[in-house]
Amino acid sequence: MLKTLALTFFLGLGFVNIAYADPLPIATAQMCDTEPGKVISMVQDKYGEQPFLSGNTVVQNLRGGWMKGEILMFIHPDKQTFSIVITDPVTGLECLWLAGDDVQPVYR
């Protein structure tokens, strides 16, 4: 019992240190295409998601540069899935930036 309590305490200290550490950059890979509408069509046709919101964003690339883009969020209200597509308005490059499930409204 005492060993378990001590182990839990020391593990907890480790989590506290992690929680207050400097944030680490997260590098992710996105599926992108230069053909206009191809990524958006895939999200709508393959996953049945519909446009939910749009806006402008700024994202940082792995080299540290910043890129302005247009963001579209798609959802499937019955399956509770979502996808976020970012488009570069200059080149037309579309990237599936983020996708997931169990999306639901926030009630506060």
N, C-alpha and C. Protein backbone atom coordinates (compact mmCIF):
# COMPACT_ATOMS: atom_id res chain seq x y z
N MET A 1 0.82 -1.19 0.00
CA MET A 1 0.00 0.00 0.00
C MET A 1 0.87 1.26 0.00
N LEU A 2 1.86 1.29 0.88
CA LEU A 2 2.74 2.45 0.97
C LEU A 2 3.55 2.61 -0.31
N LYS A 3 3.99 1.49 -0.90
CA LYS A 3 4.75 1.56 -2.16
C LYS A 3 3.88 2.15 -3.27
N THR A 4 2.62 1.72 -3.33
CA THR A 4 1.70 2.23 -4.34
C THR A 4 1.47 3.73 -4.16
N LEU A 5 1.31 4.15 -2.90
CA LEU A 5 1.09 5.57 -2.62
C LEU A 5 2.32 6.39 -3.00
N ALA A 6 3.51 5.89 -2.66
CA ALA A 6 4.74 6.60 -2.99
C ALA A 6 4.93 6.68 -4.50
N LEU A 7 4.66 5.57 -5.21
CA LEU A 7 4.79 5.56 -6.66
C LEU A 7 3.83 6.55 -7.29
N THR A 8 2.61 6.59 -6.80
CA THR A 8 1.61 7.54 -7.31
C THR A 8 2.07 8.97 -7.08
N PHE A 9 2.65 9.24 -5.92
CA PHE A 9 3.14 10.59 -5.61
C PHE A 9 4.25 11.01 -6.56
N PHE A 10 5.23 10.13 -6.77
CA PHE A 10 6.34 10.47 -7.65
C PHE A 10 5.91 10.58 -9.11
N LEU A 11 4.99 9.73 -9.54
CA LEU A 11 4.46 9.86 -10.89
C LEU A 11 3.72 11.17 -11.04
N GLY A 12 3.01 11.55 -10.01
CA GLY A 12 2.30 12.82 -10.02
C GLY A 12 3.24 14.00 -10.14
N LEU A 13 4.40 13.93 -9.48
CA LEU A 13 5.40 14.99 -9.62
C LEU A 13 5.88 15.09 -11.05
N GLY A 14 6.04 13.95 -11.70
CA GLY A 14 6.44 13.96 -13.10
C GLY A 14 5.42 14.65 -13.98
N PHE A 15 4.15 14.41 -13.72
CA PHE A 15 3.11 15.05 -14.51
C PHE A 15 3.07 16.55 -14.26
N VAL A 16 3.32 16.96 -13.03
CA VAL A 16 3.34 18.39 -12.72
C VAL A 16 4.46 19.06 -13.52
N ASN A 17 5.63 18.43 -13.56
CA ASN A 17 6.73 19.00 -14.32
C ASN A 17 6.39 19.09 -15.81
N ILE A 18 5.75 18.09 -16.32
CA ILE A 18 5.37 18.10 -17.73
C ILE A 18 4.35 19.20 -17.99
N ALA A 19 3.42 19.37 -17.08
CA ALA A 19 2.35 20.35 -17.28
C ALA A 19 2.91 21.77 -17.33
N TYR A 20 3.99 22.04 -16.62
CA TYR A 20 4.53 23.39 -16.58
C TYR A 20 5.75 23.58 -17.48
N ALA A 21 6.11 22.55 -18.24
CA ALA A 21 7.25 22.67 -19.15
C ALA A 21 6.89 23.57 -20.32
N ASP A 22 7.92 24.07 -21.01
CA ASP A 22 7.69 24.88 -22.20
C ASP A 22 6.94 24.06 -23.23
N PRO A 23 6.03 24.68 -23.95
CA PRO A 23 5.29 23.92 -24.96
C PRO A 23 6.21 23.43 -26.07
N LEU A 24 5.96 22.23 -26.54
CA LEU A 24 6.73 21.65 -27.63
C LEU A 24 6.01 21.86 -28.94
N PRO A 25 6.74 22.18 -30.01
CA PRO A 25 6.08 22.29 -31.31
C PRO A 25 5.61 20.92 -31.78
N ILE A 26 4.46 20.89 -32.40
CA ILE A 26 3.92 19.64 -32.92
C ILE A 26 3.97 19.70 -34.43
N ALA A 27 4.72 18.80 -35.02
CA ALA A 27 4.80 18.72 -36.48
C ALA A 27 3.79 17.69 -36.94
N THR A 28 2.98 18.05 -37.90
CA THR A 28 1.98 17.12 -38.42
C THR A 28 2.09 17.05 -39.94
N ALA A 29 1.62 15.98 -40.47
CA ALA A 29 1.59 15.82 -41.93
C ALA A 29 0.15 15.95 -42.39
N GLN A 30 -0.06 16.74 -43.43
CA GLN A 30 -1.39 16.92 -43.97
C GLN A 30 -1.47 16.35 -45.37
N MET A 31 -2.66 15.89 -45.70
CA MET A 31 -2.91 15.47 -47.07
C MET A 31 -3.28 16.72 -47.85
N CYS A 32 -2.49 17.04 -48.88
CA CYS A 32 -2.71 18.25 -49.66
C CYS A 32 -2.84 17.91 -51.14
N ASP A 33 -3.48 18.81 -51.88
CA ASP A 33 -3.61 18.64 -53.32
C ASP A 33 -3.68 20.02 -53.96
N THR A 34 -3.06 20.14 -55.14
CA THR A 34 -3.09 21.42 -55.85
C THR A 34 -4.28 21.54 -56.78
N GLU A 35 -5.01 20.44 -57.00
CA GLU A 35 -6.19 20.48 -57.85
C GLU A 35 -7.34 21.13 -57.07
N PRO A 36 -7.82 22.28 -57.54
CA PRO A 36 -8.88 22.98 -56.80
C PRO A 36 -10.10 22.10 -56.55
N GLY A 37 -10.55 22.10 -55.31
CA GLY A 37 -11.76 21.38 -54.95
C GLY A 37 -11.58 19.90 -54.66
N LYS A 38 -10.41 19.33 -54.91
CA LYS A 38 -10.24 17.89 -54.76
C LYS A 38 -10.34 17.43 -53.29
N VAL A 39 -9.67 18.14 -52.39
CA VAL A 39 -9.72 17.76 -50.97
C VAL A 39 -11.12 18.00 -50.42
N ILE A 40 -11.71 19.12 -50.79
CA ILE A 40 -13.06 19.44 -50.30
C ILE A 40 -14.06 18.41 -50.81
N SER A 41 -13.96 18.03 -52.07
CA SER A 41 -14.86 17.00 -52.62
C SER A 41 -14.68 15.68 -51.91
N MET A 42 -13.43 15.33 -51.59
CA MET A 42 -13.18 14.07 -50.88
C MET A 42 -13.86 14.07 -49.51
N VAL A 43 -13.74 15.19 -48.79
CA VAL A 43 -14.36 15.29 -47.47
C VAL A 43 -15.88 15.15 -47.58
N GLN A 44 -16.46 15.79 -48.60
CA GLN A 44 -17.91 15.75 -48.74
C GLN A 44 -18.39 14.40 -49.29
N ASP A 45 -17.70 13.88 -50.30
CA ASP A 45 -18.16 12.63 -50.93
C ASP A 45 -17.83 11.39 -50.10
N LYS A 46 -16.61 11.29 -49.63
CA LYS A 46 -16.19 10.09 -48.90
C LYS A 46 -16.75 10.03 -47.48
N TYR A 47 -16.77 11.18 -46.80
CA TYR A 47 -17.20 11.20 -45.40
C TYR A 47 -18.61 11.76 -45.20
N GLY A 48 -19.21 12.32 -46.24
CA GLY A 48 -20.56 12.85 -46.14
C GLY A 48 -20.67 14.08 -45.26
N GLU A 49 -19.56 14.77 -45.06
CA GLU A 49 -19.57 15.96 -44.21
C GLU A 49 -20.00 17.18 -45.01
N GLN A 50 -20.66 18.10 -44.34
CA GLN A 50 -21.17 19.30 -44.97
C GLN A 50 -20.49 20.53 -44.37
N PRO A 51 -20.37 21.62 -45.17
CA PRO A 51 -19.75 22.83 -44.64
C PRO A 51 -20.48 23.34 -43.40
N PHE A 52 -19.69 23.73 -42.41
CA PHE A 52 -20.25 24.19 -41.15
C PHE A 52 -19.83 25.63 -40.86
N LEU A 53 -18.54 25.92 -41.03
CA LEU A 53 -18.09 27.30 -40.82
C LEU A 53 -16.89 27.58 -41.71
N SER A 54 -16.63 28.86 -41.91
CA SER A 54 -15.48 29.26 -42.72
C SER A 54 -14.88 30.51 -42.09
N GLY A 55 -13.64 30.78 -42.46
CA GLY A 55 -12.98 31.96 -41.94
C GLY A 55 -11.57 32.07 -42.46
N ASN A 56 -10.83 33.00 -41.92
CA ASN A 56 -9.44 33.21 -42.30
C ASN A 56 -8.55 32.77 -41.15
N THR A 57 -7.37 32.29 -41.50
CA THR A 57 -6.44 31.81 -40.48
C THR A 57 -5.02 32.13 -40.88
N VAL A 58 -4.12 31.98 -39.96
CA VAL A 58 -2.69 32.08 -40.21
C VAL A 58 -2.07 30.86 -39.57
N VAL A 59 -1.29 30.11 -40.33
CA VAL A 59 -0.64 28.91 -39.81
C VAL A 59 0.87 29.02 -40.03
N GLN A 60 1.62 28.38 -39.16
CA GLN A 60 3.07 28.41 -39.26
C GLN A 60 3.57 27.11 -39.88
N ASN A 61 4.48 27.22 -40.83
CA ASN A 61 5.03 26.01 -41.43
C ASN A 61 6.24 25.53 -40.63
N LEU A 62 6.79 24.39 -41.00
CA LEU A 62 7.90 23.81 -40.25
C LEU A 62 9.18 24.63 -40.33
N ARG A 63 9.28 25.48 -41.31
CA ARG A 63 10.46 26.34 -41.44
C ARG A 63 10.33 27.62 -40.64
N GLY A 64 9.19 27.80 -39.99
CA GLY A 64 8.97 28.98 -39.15
C GLY A 64 8.22 30.10 -39.84
N GLY A 65 7.98 29.98 -41.14
CA GLY A 65 7.24 31.02 -41.85
C GLY A 65 5.75 30.95 -41.58
N TRP A 66 5.08 32.04 -41.82
CA TRP A 66 3.64 32.13 -41.60
C TRP A 66 2.92 32.23 -42.94
N MET A 67 1.77 31.57 -43.03
CA MET A 67 0.98 31.56 -44.25
C MET A 67 -0.47 31.90 -43.91
N LYS A 68 -1.03 32.85 -44.64
CA LYS A 68 -2.45 33.15 -44.49
C LYS A 68 -3.23 32.11 -45.28
N GLY A 69 -4.39 31.77 -44.79
CA GLY A 69 -5.20 30.79 -45.49
C GLY A 69 -6.67 30.96 -45.19
N GLU A 70 -7.46 30.26 -45.95
CA GLU A 70 -8.90 30.20 -45.71
C GLU A 70 -9.18 28.85 -45.08
N ILE A 71 -10.02 28.83 -44.08
CA ILE A 71 -10.33 27.61 -43.36
C ILE A 71 -11.80 27.26 -43.55
N LEU A 72 -12.05 25.99 -43.79
CA LEU A 72 -13.42 25.48 -43.88
C LEU A 72 -13.53 24.31 -42.92
N MET A 73 -14.57 24.31 -42.11
CA MET A 73 -14.84 23.18 -41.22
C MET A 73 -16.09 22.48 -41.72
N PHE A 74 -15.99 21.18 -41.85
CA PHE A 74 -17.10 20.34 -42.29
C PHE A 74 -17.49 19.43 -41.14
N ILE A 75 -18.79 19.13 -41.03
CA ILE A 75 -19.25 18.19 -40.00
C ILE A 75 -20.28 17.25 -40.59
N HIS A 76 -20.40 16.10 -39.97
CA HIS A 76 -21.49 15.16 -40.25
C HIS A 76 -22.24 15.05 -38.93
N PRO A 77 -23.39 15.71 -38.80
CA PRO A 77 -24.08 15.78 -37.51
C PRO A 77 -24.54 14.43 -36.98
N ASP A 78 -24.84 13.48 -37.85
CA ASP A 78 -25.29 12.18 -37.37
C ASP A 78 -24.14 11.29 -36.92
N LYS A 79 -23.07 11.28 -37.69
CA LYS A 79 -21.91 10.45 -37.35
C LYS A 79 -20.96 11.16 -36.39
N GLN A 80 -21.17 12.45 -36.16
CA GLN A 80 -20.35 13.29 -35.28
C GLN A 80 -18.88 13.33 -35.70
N THR A 81 -18.62 13.37 -37.02
CA THR A 81 -17.26 13.52 -37.52
C THR A 81 -17.06 14.94 -38.00
N PHE A 82 -15.80 15.34 -38.10
CA PHE A 82 -15.49 16.67 -38.61
C PHE A 82 -14.17 16.65 -39.35
N SER A 83 -14.00 17.62 -40.25
CA SER A 83 -12.76 17.82 -40.98
C SER A 83 -12.53 19.32 -41.11
N ILE A 84 -11.26 19.71 -41.07
CA ILE A 84 -10.89 21.10 -41.27
C ILE A 84 -9.93 21.15 -42.45
N VAL A 85 -10.30 21.93 -43.45
CA VAL A 85 -9.50 22.09 -44.67
C VAL A 85 -8.99 23.52 -44.71
N ILE A 86 -7.68 23.67 -44.98
CA ILE A 86 -7.08 24.99 -45.15
C ILE A 86 -6.69 25.14 -46.62
N THR A 87 -7.04 26.28 -47.20
CA THR A 87 -6.70 26.57 -48.59
C THR A 87 -5.81 27.79 -48.65
N ASP A 88 -4.73 27.68 -49.42
CA ASP A 88 -3.87 28.83 -49.68
C ASP A 88 -4.53 29.62 -50.81
N PRO A 89 -5.00 30.85 -50.54
CA PRO A 89 -5.72 31.61 -51.57
C PRO A 89 -4.85 32.02 -52.75
N VAL A 90 -3.54 32.02 -52.58
CA VAL A 90 -2.64 32.42 -53.66
C VAL A 90 -2.40 31.26 -54.62
N THR A 91 -2.05 30.09 -54.08
CA THR A 91 -1.70 28.94 -54.93
C THR A 91 -2.86 28.00 -55.18
N GLY A 92 -3.90 28.07 -54.33
CA GLY A 92 -5.02 27.14 -54.44
C GLY A 92 -4.77 25.80 -53.76
N LEU A 93 -3.60 25.64 -53.14
CA LEU A 93 -3.27 24.40 -52.43
C LEU A 93 -4.29 24.16 -51.32
N GLU A 94 -4.89 22.97 -51.31
CA GLU A 94 -5.85 22.59 -50.27
C GLU A 94 -5.24 21.49 -49.42
N CYS A 95 -5.37 21.64 -48.11
CA CYS A 95 -4.83 20.63 -47.19
C CYS A 95 -5.89 20.22 -46.18
N LEU A 96 -6.03 18.91 -46.00
CA LEU A 96 -6.85 18.39 -44.92
C LEU A 96 -6.01 18.53 -43.67
N TRP A 97 -6.28 19.55 -42.89
CA TRP A 97 -5.43 19.91 -41.77
C TRP A 97 -5.73 19.09 -40.53
N LEU A 98 -7.00 18.77 -40.32
CA LEU A 98 -7.40 18.10 -39.09
C LEU A 98 -8.71 17.38 -39.33
N ALA A 99 -8.86 16.20 -38.76
CA ALA A 99 -10.12 15.46 -38.85
C ALA A 99 -10.30 14.66 -37.57
N GLY A 100 -11.53 14.38 -37.23
CA GLY A 100 -11.78 13.62 -36.02
C GLY A 100 -13.23 13.23 -35.89
N ASP A 101 -13.56 12.76 -34.69
CA ASP A 101 -14.92 12.30 -34.45
C ASP A 101 -15.38 12.73 -33.06
N ASP A 102 -16.58 12.34 -32.73
CA ASP A 102 -17.21 12.67 -31.45
C ASP A 102 -17.32 14.18 -31.23
N VAL A 103 -17.58 14.91 -32.32
CA VAL A 103 -17.76 16.36 -32.22
C VAL A 103 -19.20 16.62 -31.76
N GLN A 104 -19.33 17.61 -30.88
CA GLN A 104 -20.65 17.93 -30.35
C GLN A 104 -20.67 19.36 -29.85
N PRO A 105 -21.85 19.92 -29.72
CA PRO A 105 -21.95 21.30 -29.22
C PRO A 105 -21.46 21.41 -27.79
N VAL A 106 -20.99 22.59 -27.44
CA VAL A 106 -20.56 22.86 -26.08
C VAL A 106 -21.68 23.61 -25.37
N TYR A 107 -22.07 23.11 -24.26
CA TYR A 107 -23.11 23.77 -23.47
C TYR A 107 -22.47 24.31 -22.19
N ARG A 108 -22.61 25.62 -21.98
CA ARG A 108 -22.02 26.22 -20.78
C ARG A 108 -23.04 26.99 -20.01
